[in-house]
PDB file of N, CA and C in Angstrom:
ATOM      1  N   MET A   1       5.669   1.126   8.901  1.00  0.00           N
ATOM      2  CA  MET A   1       4.449   1.594   9.519  1.00  0.00           C
ATOM      3  C   MET A   1       3.973   0.564  10.535  1.00  0.00           C
ATOM      4  N   ASN A   2       3.612   1.008  11.722  1.00  0.00           N
ATOM      5  CA  ASN A   2       3.047   0.057  12.667  1.00  0.00           C
ATOM      6  C   ASN A   2       1.561  -0.127  12.373  1.00  0.00           C
ATOM      7  N   SER A   3       0.959  -1.171  12.954  1.00  0.00           N
ATOM      8  CA  SER A   3      -0.423  -1.510  12.626  1.00  0.00           C
ATOM      9  C   SER A   3      -1.404  -0.418  13.043  1.00  0.00           C
ATOM     10  N   GLU A   4      -1.146   0.309  14.125  1.00  0.00           N
ATOM     11  CA  GLU A   4      -2.046   1.379  14.549  1.00  0.00           C
ATOM     12  C   GLU A   4      -2.103   2.482  13.486  1.00  0.00           C
ATOM     13  N   TYR A   5      -0.971   2.815  12.893  1.00  0.00           N
ATOM     14  CA  TYR A   5      -0.933   3.854  11.874  1.00  0.00           C
ATOM     15  C   TYR A   5      -1.717   3.421  10.638  1.00  0.00           C
ATOM     16  N   VAL A   6      -1.512   2.183  10.214  1.00  0.00           N
ATOM     17  CA  VAL A   6      -2.214   1.693   9.029  1.00  0.00           C
ATOM     18  C   VAL A   6      -3.723   1.672   9.283  1.00  0.00           C
ATOM     19  N   LYS A   7      -4.134   1.290  10.487  1.00  0.00           N
ATOM     20  CA  LYS A   7      -5.551   1.221  10.819  1.00  0.00           C
ATOM     21  C   LYS A   7      -6.219   2.587  10.675  1.00  0.00           C
ATOM     22  N   ASN A   8      -5.474   3.641  10.888  1.00  0.00           N
ATOM     23  CA  ASN A   8      -6.022   5.001  10.808  1.00  0.00           C
ATOM     24  C   ASN A   8      -5.585   5.749   9.552  1.00  0.00           C
ATOM     25  N   LEU A   9      -4.999   5.050   8.604  1.00  0.00           N
ATOM     26  CA  LEU A   9      -4.496   5.682   7.389  1.00  0.00           C
ATOM     27  C   LEU A   9      -5.589   5.742   6.323  1.00  0.00           C
ATOM     28  N   ILE A  10      -5.806   6.933   5.775  1.00  0.00           N
ATOM     29  CA  ILE A  10      -6.731   7.094   4.662  1.00  0.00           C
ATOM     30  C   ILE A  10      -5.928   7.591   3.470  1.00  0.00           C
ATOM     31  N   CYS A  11      -6.039   6.861   2.392  1.00  0.00           N
ATOM     32  CA  CYS A  11      -5.272   7.141   1.187  1.00  0.00           C
ATOM     33  C   CYS A  11      -6.178   7.798   0.151  1.00  0.00           C
ATOM     34  N   PHE A  12      -5.867   9.035  -0.197  1.00  0.00           N
ATOM     35  CA  PHE A  12      -6.649   9.811  -1.158  1.00  0.00           C
ATOM     36  C   PHE A  12      -5.970   9.828  -2.518  1.00  0.00           C
ATOM     37  N   ASP A  13      -6.745   9.604  -3.563  1.00  0.00           N
ATOM     38  CA  ASP A  13      -6.285   9.888  -4.911  1.00  0.00           C
ATOM     39  C   ASP A  13      -6.215  11.411  -5.041  1.00  0.00           C
ATOM     40  N   PHE A  14      -5.365  11.913  -5.910  1.00  0.00           N
ATOM     41  CA  PHE A  14      -5.221  13.359  -6.066  1.00  0.00           C
ATOM     42  C   PHE A  14      -6.170  13.906  -7.133  1.00  0.00           C
ATOM     43  N   ASP A  15      -5.989  13.457  -8.378  1.00  0.00           N
ATOM     44  CA  ASP A  15      -6.808  13.962  -9.481  1.00  0.00           C
ATOM     45  C   ASP A  15      -8.243  13.464  -9.331  1.00  0.00           C
ATOM     46  N   GLY A  16      -9.183  14.389  -9.401  1.00  0.00           N
ATOM     47  CA  GLY A  16     -10.589  14.042  -9.295  1.00  0.00           C
ATOM     48  C   GLY A  16     -11.106  14.029  -7.865  1.00  0.00           C
ATOM     49  N   VAL A  17     -10.204  14.145  -6.880  1.00  0.00           N
ATOM     50  CA  VAL A  17     -10.608  14.183  -5.474  1.00  0.00           C
ATOM     51  C   VAL A  17     -10.186  15.511  -4.844  1.00  0.00           C
ATOM     52  N   PHE A  18      -8.966  15.936  -5.105  1.00  0.00           N
ATOM     53  CA  PHE A  18      -8.500  17.241  -4.612  1.00  0.00           C
ATOM     54  C   PHE A  18      -8.917  18.356  -5.577  1.00  0.00           C
ATOM     55  N   HIS A  19      -8.958  18.044  -6.849  1.00  0.00           N
ATOM     56  CA  HIS A  19      -9.395  19.002  -7.871  1.00  0.00           C
ATOM     57  C   HIS A  19     -10.154  18.221  -8.935  1.00  0.00           C
ATOM     58  N   GLN A  20     -10.979  18.913  -9.704  1.00  0.00           N
ATOM     59  CA  GLN A  20     -11.820  18.246 -10.695  1.00  0.00           C
ATOM     60  C   GLN A  20     -11.030  17.903 -11.942  1.00  0.00           C
ATOM     61  N   GLY A  21     -11.168  16.690 -12.391  1.00  0.00           N
ATOM     62  CA  GLY A  21     -10.554  16.277 -13.638  1.00  0.00           C
ATOM     63  C   GLY A  21      -9.332  15.420 -13.433  1.00  0.00           C
ATOM     64  N   GLU A  22      -8.607  15.206 -14.521  1.00  0.00           N
ATOM     65  CA  GLU A  22      -7.472  14.306 -14.444  1.00  0.00           C
ATOM     66  C   GLU A  22      -6.232  14.768 -15.187  1.00  0.00           C
ATOM     67  N   ARG A  23      -6.320  15.746 -16.007  1.00  0.00           N
ATOM     68  CA  ARG A  23      -5.137  16.186 -16.744  1.00  0.00           C
ATOM     69  C   ARG A  23      -4.643  17.542 -16.236  1.00  0.00           C
ATOM     70  N   GLU A  24      -5.417  18.561 -16.506  1.00  0.00           N
ATOM     71  CA  GLU A  24      -5.044  19.926 -16.116  1.00  0.00           C
ATOM     72  C   GLU A  24      -5.335  20.145 -14.629  1.00  0.00           C
ATOM     73  N   LEU A  25      -4.352  20.702 -13.926  1.00  0.00           N
ATOM     74  CA  LEU A  25      -4.565  21.022 -12.514  1.00  0.00           C
ATOM     75  C   LEU A  25      -5.494  22.222 -12.397  1.00  0.00           C
ATOM     76  N   LYS A  26      -6.502  22.075 -11.560  1.00  0.00           N
ATOM     77  CA  LYS A  26      -7.483  23.133 -11.367  1.00  0.00           C
ATOM     78  C   LYS A  26      -7.508  23.520  -9.900  1.00  0.00           C
ATOM     79  N   GLU A  27      -8.369  24.468  -9.556  1.00  0.00           N
ATOM     80  CA  GLU A  27      -8.513  24.901  -8.166  1.00  0.00           C
ATOM     81  C   GLU A  27      -9.021  23.738  -7.317  1.00  0.00           C
ATOM     82  N   PRO A  28      -8.754  23.786  -6.008  1.00  0.00           N
ATOM     83  CA  PRO A  28      -9.260  22.725  -5.124  1.00  0.00           C
ATOM     84  C   PRO A  28     -10.785  22.648  -5.165  1.00  0.00           C
ATOM     85  N   LEU A  29     -11.281  21.431  -5.048  1.00  0.00           N
ATOM     86  CA  LEU A  29     -12.717  21.242  -4.951  1.00  0.00           C
ATOM     87  C   LEU A  29     -13.219  21.825  -3.634  1.00  0.00           C
ATOM     88  N   PRO A  30     -14.392  22.437  -3.652  1.00  0.00           N
ATOM     89  CA  PRO A  30     -14.934  22.994  -2.408  1.00  0.00           C
ATOM     90  C   PRO A  30     -15.082  21.903  -1.345  1.00  0.00           C
ATOM     91  N   GLY A  31     -14.572  22.168  -0.173  1.00  0.00           N
ATOM     92  CA  GLY A  31     -14.733  21.258   0.945  1.00  0.00           C
ATOM     93  C   GLY A  31     -13.594  20.299   1.195  1.00  0.00           C
ATOM     94  N   ILE A  32     -12.657  20.157   0.256  1.00  0.00           N
ATOM     95  CA  ILE A  32     -11.592  19.166   0.439  1.00  0.00           C
ATOM     96  C   ILE A  32     -10.733  19.489   1.666  1.00  0.00           C
ATOM     97  N   LEU A  33     -10.357  20.738   1.850  1.00  0.00           N
ATOM     98  CA  LEU A  33      -9.508  21.085   2.986  1.00  0.00           C
ATOM     99  C   LEU A  33     -10.241  20.869   4.310  1.00  0.00           C
ATOM    100  N   ASP A  34     -11.514  21.230   4.362  1.00  0.00           N
ATOM    101  CA  ASP A  34     -12.311  20.983   5.567  1.00  0.00           C
ATOM    102  C   ASP A  34     -12.438  19.485   5.845  1.00  0.00           C
ATOM    103  N   CYS A  35     -12.613  18.706   4.805  1.00  0.00           N
ATOM    104  CA  CYS A  35     -12.711  17.248   4.945  1.00  0.00           C
ATOM    105  C   CYS A  35     -11.429  16.686   5.546  1.00  0.00           C
ATOM    106  N   LEU A  36     -10.289  17.073   4.987  1.00  0.00           N
ATOM    107  CA  LEU A  36      -9.002  16.582   5.478  1.00  0.00           C
ATOM    108  C   LEU A  36      -8.775  17.006   6.927  1.00  0.00           C
ATOM    109  N   THR A  37      -9.079  18.264   7.226  1.00  0.00           N
ATOM    110  CA  THR A  37      -8.904  18.789   8.584  1.00  0.00           C
ATOM    111  C   THR A  37      -9.758  18.012   9.584  1.00  0.00           C
ATOM    112  N   SER A  38     -10.996  17.742   9.224  1.00  0.00           N
ATOM    113  CA  SER A  38     -11.899  16.992  10.089  1.00  0.00           C
ATOM    114  C   SER A  38     -11.369  15.583  10.356  1.00  0.00           C
ATOM    115  N   LEU A  39     -10.893  14.917   9.313  1.00  0.00           N
ATOM    116  CA  LEU A  39     -10.370  13.558   9.476  1.00  0.00           C
ATOM    117  C   LEU A  39      -9.119  13.542  10.352  1.00  0.00           C
ATOM    118  N   VAL A  40      -8.224  14.493  10.129  1.00  0.00           N
ATOM    119  CA  VAL A  40      -7.009  14.589  10.950  1.00  0.00           C
ATOM    120  C   VAL A  40      -7.387  14.863  12.404  1.00  0.00           C
ATOM    121  N   ASN A  41      -8.345  15.756  12.626  1.00  0.00           N
ATOM    122  CA  ASN A  41      -8.793  16.053  13.989  1.00  0.00           C
ATOM    123  C   ASN A  41      -9.420  14.845  14.669  1.00  0.00           C
ATOM    124  N   ASP A  42      -9.954  13.915  13.874  1.00  0.00           N
ATOM    125  CA  ASP A  42     -10.531  12.682  14.406  1.00  0.00           C
ATOM    126  C   ASP A  42      -9.503  11.566  14.560  1.00  0.00           C
ATOM    127  N   GLY A  43      -8.225  11.878  14.302  1.00  0.00           N
ATOM    128  CA  GLY A  43      -7.162  10.908  14.530  1.00  0.00           C
ATOM    129  C   GLY A  43      -6.698  10.122  13.324  1.00  0.00           C
ATOM    130  N   TYR A  44      -7.186  10.480  12.137  1.00  0.00           N
ATOM    131  CA  TYR A  44      -6.748   9.780  10.929  1.00  0.00           C
ATOM    132  C   TYR A  44      -5.469  10.407  10.380  1.00  0.00           C
ATOM    133  N   HIS A  45      -4.700   9.599   9.681  1.00  0.00           N
ATOM    134  CA  HIS A  45      -3.515  10.055   8.962  1.00  0.00           C
ATOM    135  C   HIS A  45      -3.870  10.048   7.479  1.00  0.00           C
ATOM    136  N   ILE A  46      -3.506  11.101   6.785  1.00  0.00           N
ATOM    137  CA  ILE A  46      -3.855  11.269   5.375  1.00  0.00           C
ATOM    138  C   ILE A  46      -2.599  11.158   4.509  1.00  0.00           C
ATOM    139  N   VAL A  47      -2.713  10.403   3.421  1.00  0.00           N
ATOM    140  CA  VAL A  47      -1.664  10.360   2.406  1.00  0.00           C
ATOM    141  C   VAL A  47      -2.332  10.492   1.039  1.00  0.00           C
ATOM    142  N   ILE A  48      -1.540  10.858   0.063  1.00  0.00           N
ATOM    143  CA  ILE A  48      -2.003  10.942  -1.322  1.00  0.00           C
ATOM    144  C   ILE A  48      -1.337   9.824  -2.105  1.00  0.00           C
ATOM    145  N   LEU A  49      -2.121   9.157  -2.936  1.00  0.00           N
ATOM    146  CA  LEU A  49      -1.601   8.154  -3.863  1.00  0.00           C
ATOM    147  C   LEU A  49      -1.847   8.686  -5.269  1.00  0.00           C
ATOM    148  N   SER A  50      -0.781   8.835  -6.044  1.00  0.00           N
ATOM    149  CA  SER A  50      -0.942   9.405  -7.379  1.00  0.00           C
ATOM    150  C   SER A  50       0.201   8.976  -8.292  1.00  0.00           C
ATOM    151  N   ALA A  51      -0.127   8.817  -9.567  1.00  0.00           N
ATOM    152  CA  ALA A  51       0.893   8.579 -10.584  1.00  0.00           C
ATOM    153  C   ALA A  51       1.511   9.905 -11.036  1.00  0.00           C
ATOM    154  N   ARG A  52       0.893  11.005 -10.650  1.00  0.00           N
ATOM    155  CA  ARG A  52       1.395  12.331 -11.008  1.00  0.00           C
ATOM    156  C   ARG A  52       2.713  12.595 -10.280  1.00  0.00           C
ATOM    157  N   ASN A  53       3.567  13.403 -10.853  1.00  0.00           N
ATOM    158  CA  ASN A  53       4.847  13.751 -10.255  1.00  0.00           C
ATOM    159  C   ASN A  53       4.629  14.376  -8.872  1.00  0.00           C
ATOM    160  N   PRO A  54       5.244  13.818  -7.814  1.00  0.00           N
ATOM    161  CA  PRO A  54       5.068  14.369  -6.467  1.00  0.00           C
ATOM    162  C   PRO A  54       5.466  15.843  -6.349  1.00  0.00           C
ATOM    163  N   ALA A  55       6.464  16.280  -7.084  1.00  0.00           N
ATOM    164  CA  ALA A  55       6.875  17.687  -7.035  1.00  0.00           C
ATOM    165  C   ALA A  55       5.756  18.594  -7.546  1.00  0.00           C
ATOM    166  N   THR A  56       5.042  18.147  -8.564  1.00  0.00           N
ATOM    167  CA  THR A  56       3.918  18.910  -9.102  1.00  0.00           C
ATOM    168  C   THR A  56       2.794  19.006  -8.068  1.00  0.00           C
ATOM    169  N   ILE A  57       2.521  17.897  -7.409  1.00  0.00           N
ATOM    170  CA  ILE A  57       1.477  17.886  -6.377  1.00  0.00           C
ATOM    171  C   ILE A  57       1.876  18.794  -5.218  1.00  0.00           C
ATOM    172  N   ASN A  58       3.110  18.680  -4.761  1.00  0.00           N
ATOM    173  CA  ASN A  58       3.575  19.524  -3.652  1.00  0.00           C
ATOM    174  C   ASN A  58       3.484  21.007  -3.993  1.00  0.00           C
ATOM    175  N   LYS A  59       3.824  21.357  -5.210  1.00  0.00           N
ATOM    176  CA  LYS A  59       3.734  22.752  -5.646  1.00  0.00           C
ATOM    177  C   LYS A  59       2.274  23.215  -5.596  1.00  0.00           C
ATOM    178  N   TRP A  60       1.355  22.388  -6.064  1.00  0.00           N
ATOM    179  CA  TRP A  60      -0.062  22.710  -6.046  1.00  0.00           C
ATOM    180  C   TRP A  60      -0.556  22.841  -4.605  1.00  0.00           C
ATOM    181  N   LEU A  61      -0.209  21.881  -3.737  1.00  0.00           N
ATOM    182  CA  LEU A  61      -0.617  21.918  -2.330  1.00  0.00           C
ATOM    183  C   LEU A  61      -0.129  23.197  -1.653  1.00  0.00           C
ATOM    184  N   THR A  62       1.119  23.559  -1.900  1.00  0.00           N
ATOM    185  CA  THR A  62       1.703  24.768  -1.315  1.00  0.00           C
ATOM    186  C   THR A  62       0.989  26.017  -1.826  1.00  0.00           C
ATOM    187  N   TYR A  63       0.728  26.067  -3.116  1.00  0.00           N
ATOM    188  CA  TYR A  63       0.066  27.222  -3.723  1.00  0.00           C
ATOM    189  C   TYR A  63      -1.298  27.475  -3.090  1.00  0.00           C
ATOM    190  N   TYR A  64      -2.012  26.381  -2.776  1.00  0.00           N
ATOM    191  CA  TYR A  64      -3.355  26.513  -2.208  1.00  0.00           C
ATOM    192  C   TYR A  64      -3.376  26.363  -0.678  1.00  0.00           C
ATOM    193  N   ASP A  65      -2.231  26.501  -0.046  1.00  0.00           N
ATOM    194  CA  ASP A  65      -2.111  26.519   1.418  1.00  0.00           C
ATOM    195  C   ASP A  65      -2.589  25.246   2.110  1.00  0.00           C
ATOM    196  N   PHE A  66      -2.366  24.108   1.486  1.00  0.00           N
ATOM    197  CA  PHE A  66      -2.641  22.833   2.131  1.00  0.00           C
ATOM    198  C   PHE A  66      -1.464  22.487   3.036  1.00  0.00           C
ATOM    199  N   PRO A  67      -1.711  21.703   4.070  1.00  0.00           N
ATOM    200  CA  PRO A  67      -0.580  21.233   4.884  1.00  0.00           C
ATOM    201  C   PRO A  67       0.247  20.239   4.078  1.00  0.00           C
ATOM    202  N   ILE A  68       1.417  19.928   4.567  1.00  0.00           N
ATOM    203  CA  ILE A  68       2.253  18.917   3.917  1.00  0.00           C
ATOM    204  C   ILE A  68       1.571  17.562   4.071  1.00  0.00           C
ATOM    205  N   ILE A  69       1.385  16.881   2.961  1.00  0.00           N
ATOM    206  CA  ILE A  69       0.734  15.572   2.953  1.00  0.00           C
ATOM    207  C   ILE A  69       1.691  14.599   2.255  1.00  0.00           C
ATOM    208  N   PRO A  70       2.007  13.463   2.894  1.00  0.00           N
ATOM    209  CA  PRO A  70       2.881  12.490   2.234  1.00  0.00           C
ATOM    210  C   PRO A  70       2.258  12.006   0.918  1.00  0.00           C
ATOM    211  N   ILE A  71       3.108  11.824  -0.074  1.00  0.00           N
ATOM    212  CA  ILE A  71       2.658  11.388  -1.397  1.00  0.00           C
ATOM    213  C   ILE A  71       3.301  10.047  -1.715  1.00  0.00           C
ATOM    214  N   TYR A  72       2.475   9.089  -2.098  1.00  0.00           N
ATOM    215  CA  TYR A  72       2.931   7.749  -2.454  1.00  0.00           C
ATOM    216  C   TYR A  72       2.703   7.514  -3.936  1.00  0.00           C
ATOM    217  N   ARG A  73       3.597   6.746  -4.528  1.00  0.00           N
ATOM    218  CA  ARG A  73       3.399   6.328  -5.913  1.00  0.00           C
ATOM    219  C   ARG A  73       2.998   4.864  -5.959  1.00  0.00           C
ATOM    220  N   ASN A  74       3.170   4.173  -4.829  1.00  0.00           N
ATOM    221  CA  ASN A  74       2.729   2.789  -4.688  1.00  0.00           C
ATOM    222  C   ASN A  74       1.678   2.737  -3.596  1.00  0.00           C
ATOM    223  N   LYS A  75       0.699   1.892  -3.761  1.00  0.00           N
ATOM    224  CA  LYS A  75      -0.438   1.821  -2.846  1.00  0.00           C
ATOM    225  C   LYS A  75      -0.025   1.315  -1.463  1.00  0.00           C
ATOM    226  N   PRO A  76      -0.140   2.159  -0.448  1.00  0.00           N
ATOM    227  CA  PRO A  76       0.201   1.723   0.907  1.00  0.00           C
ATOM    228  C   PRO A  76      -0.970   0.955   1.532  1.00  0.00           C
ATOM    229  N   PRO A  77      -0.692   0.103   2.509  1.00  0.00           N
ATOM    230  CA  PRO A  77      -1.804  -0.548   3.205  1.00  0.00           C
ATOM    231  C   PRO A  77      -2.540   0.490   4.045  1.00  0.00           C
ATOM    232  N   ALA A  78      -3.831   0.640   3.826  1.00  0.00           N
ATOM    233  CA  ALA A  78      -4.582   1.703   4.487  1.00  0.00           C
ATOM    234  C   ALA A  78      -5.950   1.202   4.935  1.00  0.00           C
ATOM    235  N   PHE A  79      -6.558   1.950   5.829  1.00  0.00           N
ATOM    236  CA  PHE A  79      -7.908   1.668   6.304  1.00  0.00           C
ATOM    237  C   PHE A  79      -8.903   1.767   5.151  1.00  0.00           C
ATOM    238  N   CYS A  80      -8.777   2.820   4.328  1.00  0.00           N
ATOM    239  CA  CYS A  80      -9.632   2.949   3.152  1.00  0.00           C
ATOM    240  C   CYS A  80      -8.956   3.845   2.120  1.00  0.00           C
ATOM    241  N   TYR A  81      -9.506   3.789   0.913  1.00  0.00           N
ATOM    242  CA  TYR A  81      -8.987   4.543  -0.217  1.00  0.00           C
ATOM    243  C   TYR A  81     -10.111   5.402  -0.786  1.00  0.00           C
ATOM    244  N   VAL A  82      -9.799   6.666  -1.074  1.00  0.00           N
ATOM    245  CA  VAL A  82     -10.778   7.590  -1.639  1.00  0.00           C
ATOM    246  C   VAL A  82     -10.325   7.909  -3.059  1.00  0.00           C
ATOM    247  N   ASP A  83     -11.147   7.548  -4.027  1.00  0.00           N
ATOM    248  CA  ASP A  83     -10.756   7.691  -5.422  1.00  0.00           C
ATOM    249  C   ASP A  83     -11.987   7.958  -6.278  1.00  0.00           C
ATOM    250  N   ASP A  84     -11.889   8.891  -7.203  1.00  0.00           N
ATOM    251  CA  ASP A  84     -13.005   9.210  -8.086  1.00  0.00           C
ATOM    252  C   ASP A  84     -13.221   8.156  -9.162  1.00  0.00           C
ATOM    253  N   ARG A  85     -12.313   7.236  -9.309  1.00  0.00           N
ATOM    254  CA  ARG A  85     -12.433   6.213 -10.343  1.00  0.00           C
ATOM    255  C   ARG A  85     -12.547   4.801  -9.766  1.00  0.00           C
ATOM    256  N   ALA A  86     -12.927   4.697  -8.511  1.00  0.00           N
ATOM    257  CA  ALA A  86     -13.007   3.390  -7.863  1.00  0.00           C
ATOM    258  C   ALA A  86     -14.384   2.770  -8.018  1.00  0.00           C
ATOM    259  N   VAL A  87     -14.396   1.453  -8.115  1.00  0.00           N
ATOM    260  CA  VAL A  87     -15.613   0.667  -8.070  1.00  0.00           C
ATOM    261  C   VAL A  87     -15.472  -0.214  -6.834  1.00  0.00           C
ATOM    262  N   ASN A  88     -16.447  -0.134  -5.945  1.00  0.00           N
ATOM    263  CA  ASN A  88     -16.377  -0.915  -4.719  1.00  0.00           C
ATOM    264  C   ASN A  88     -16.742  -2.368  -4.995  1.00  0.00           C
ATOM    265  N   PHE A  89     -15.919  -3.291  -4.542  1.00  0.00           N
ATOM    266  CA  PHE A  89     -16.187  -4.719  -4.708  1.00  0.00           C
ATOM    267  C   PHE A  89     -16.874  -5.234  -3.458  1.00  0.00           C
ATOM    268  N   ASN A  90     -18.081  -5.794  -3.612  1.00  0.00           N
ATOM    269  CA  ASN A  90     -18.858  -6.265  -2.476  1.00  0.00           C
ATOM    270  C   ASN A  90     -18.883  -7.789  -2.356  1.00  0.00           C
ATOM    271  N   GLY A  91     -18.013  -8.474  -3.076  1.00  0.00           N
ATOM    272  CA  GLY A  91     -17.950  -9.932  -3.029  1.00  0.00           C
ATOM    273  C   GLY A  91     -18.750 -10.605  -4.126  1.00  0.00           C
ATOM    274  N   ASN A  92     -19.470  -9.846  -4.924  1.00  0.00           N
ATOM    275  CA  ASN A  92     -20.302 -10.405  -5.975  1.00  0.00           C
ATOM    276  C   ASN A  92     -19.744  -9.987  -7.334  1.00  0.00           C
ATOM    277  N   TYR A  93     -19.192 -10.955  -8.081  1.00  0.00           N
ATOM    278  CA  TYR A  93     -18.564 -10.629  -9.362  1.00  0.00           C
ATOM    279  C   TYR A  93     -19.563 -10.219 -10.430  1.00  0.00           C
ATOM    280  N   SER A  94     -20.773 -10.763 -10.397  1.00  0.00           N
ATOM    281  CA  SER A  94     -21.786 -10.345 -11.375  1.00  0.00           C
ATOM    282  C   SER A  94     -22.120  -8.875 -11.203  1.00  0.00           C
ATOM    283  N   GLU A  95     -22.289  -8.443  -9.956  1.00  0.00           N
ATOM    284  CA  GLU A  95     -22.538  -7.027  -9.697  1.00  0.00           C
ATOM    285  C   GLU A  95     -21.333  -6.180 -10.067  1.00  0.00           C
ATOM    286  N   LEU A  96     -20.133  -6.714  -9.865  1.00  0.00           N
ATOM    287  CA  LEU A  96     -18.911  -5.990 -10.225  1.00  0.00           C
ATOM    288  C   LEU A  96     -18.872  -5.714 -11.724  1.00  0.00           C
ATOM    289  N   ILE A  97     -19.172  -6.723 -12.523  1.00  0.00           N
ATOM    290  CA  ILE A  97     -19.169  -6.553 -13.978  1.00  0.00           C
ATOM    291  C   ILE A  97     -20.147  -5.450 -14.374  1.00  0.00           C
ATOM    292  N   SER A  98     -21.333  -5.491 -13.802  1.00  0.00           N
ATOM    293  CA  SER A  98     -22.348  -4.477 -14.100  1.00  0.00           C
ATOM    294  C   SER A  98     -21.876  -3.088 -13.682  1.00  0.00           C
ATOM    295  N   SER A  99     -21.285  -2.989 -12.495  1.00  0.00           N
ATOM    296  CA  SER A  99     -20.795  -1.689 -12.005  1.00  0.00           C
ATOM    297  C   SER A  99     -19.706  -1.138 -12.907  1.00  0.00           C
ATOM    298  N   ILE A 100     -18.821  -1.994 -13.361  1.00  0.00           N
ATOM    299  CA  ILE A 100     -17.736  -1.549 -14.250  1.00  0.00           C
ATOM    300  C   ILE A 100     -18.303  -1.052 -15.576  1.00  0.00           C
ATOM    301  N   LYS A 101     -19.239  -1.788 -16.135  1.00  0.00           N
ATOM    302  CA  LYS A 101     -19.799  -1.403 -17.434  1.00  0.00           C
ATOM    303  C   LYS A 101     -20.584  -0.100 -17.362  1.00  0.00           C
ATOM    304  N   LYS A 102     -21.183   0.211 -16.199  1.00  0.00           N
ATOM    305  CA  LYS A 102     -21.963   1.440 -16.040  1.00  0.00           C
ATOM    306  C   LYS A 102     -21.135   2.589 -15.465  1.00  0.00           C
ATOM    307  N   PHE A 103     -19.881   2.346 -15.140  1.00  0.00           N
ATOM    308  CA  PHE A 103     -19.081   3.324 -14.409  1.00  0.00           C
ATOM    309  C   PHE A 103     -18.816   4.609 -15.205  1.00  0.00           C
ATOM    310  N   ASN A 104     -18.845   5.725 -14.494  1.00  0.00           N
ATOM    311  CA  ASN A 104     -18.487   7.026 -15.039  1.00  0.00           C
ATOM    312  C   ASN A 104     -18.021   7.878 -13.851  1.00  0.00           C
ATOM    313  N   PRO A 105     -16.846   8.511 -13.913  1.00  0.00           N
ATOM    314  CA  PRO A 105     -16.428   9.333 -12.777  1.00  0.00           C
ATOM    315  C   PRO A 105     -17.421  10.472 -12.534  1.00  0.00           C
ATOM    316  N   TRP A 106     -17.530  10.885 -11.304  1.00  0.00           N
ATOM    317  CA  TRP A 106     -18.518  11.900 -10.915  1.00  0.00           C
ATOM    318  C   TRP A 106     -18.413  13.169 -11.748  1.00  0.00           C
ATOM    319  N   TRP A 107     -17.194  13.556 -12.085  1.00  0.00           N
ATOM    320  CA  TRP A 107     -16.981  14.829 -12.789  1.00  0.00           C
ATOM    321  C   TRP A 107     -17.243  14.705 -14.291  1.00  0.00           C
ATOM    322  N   ASN A 108     -17.495  13.483 -14.776  1.00  0.00           N
ATOM    323  CA  ASN A 108     -17.737  13.254 -16.193  1.00  0.00           C
ATOM    324  C   ASN A 108     -19.184  12.837 -16.420  1.00  0.00           C
ATOM    325  N   SER A 109     -20.015  12.947 -15.399  1.00  0.00           N
ATOM    326  CA  SER A 109     -21.431  12.578 -15.530  1.00  0.00           C
ATOM    327  C   SER A 109     -22.195  13.701 -16.202  1.00  0.00           C
ATOM    328  N   ALA A 110     -23.047  13.319 -17.108  1.00  0.00           N
ATOM    329  CA  ALA A 110     -23.845  14.341 -17.805  1.00  0.00           C
ATOM    330  C   ALA A 110     -25.317  14.059 -17.663  1.00  0.00           C
TER     331      ALA A 110
END
């Protein structure tokens, strides 16, 4: 990958971002396709990072009429990462500890 591509690369987690949850594959979350389309139209390159079998993801993407999206099993160098289980590190470890202890994925909030 050249540096220009990496600068515009956005790496999306699959489970919890494309569909709700983490085990059973469900319908796409409302707005995900529009979000991806908008980012691509703005010059970004989209990839998926997932521990899930790429063939399973491709089958799901095809079933729901998504474009072909490269799937990585190892984290590529990217401009940013979109993940339902991420905690943003702001340089302060005390705040990080607190954020981790209070963390709950969006779809598991009650």
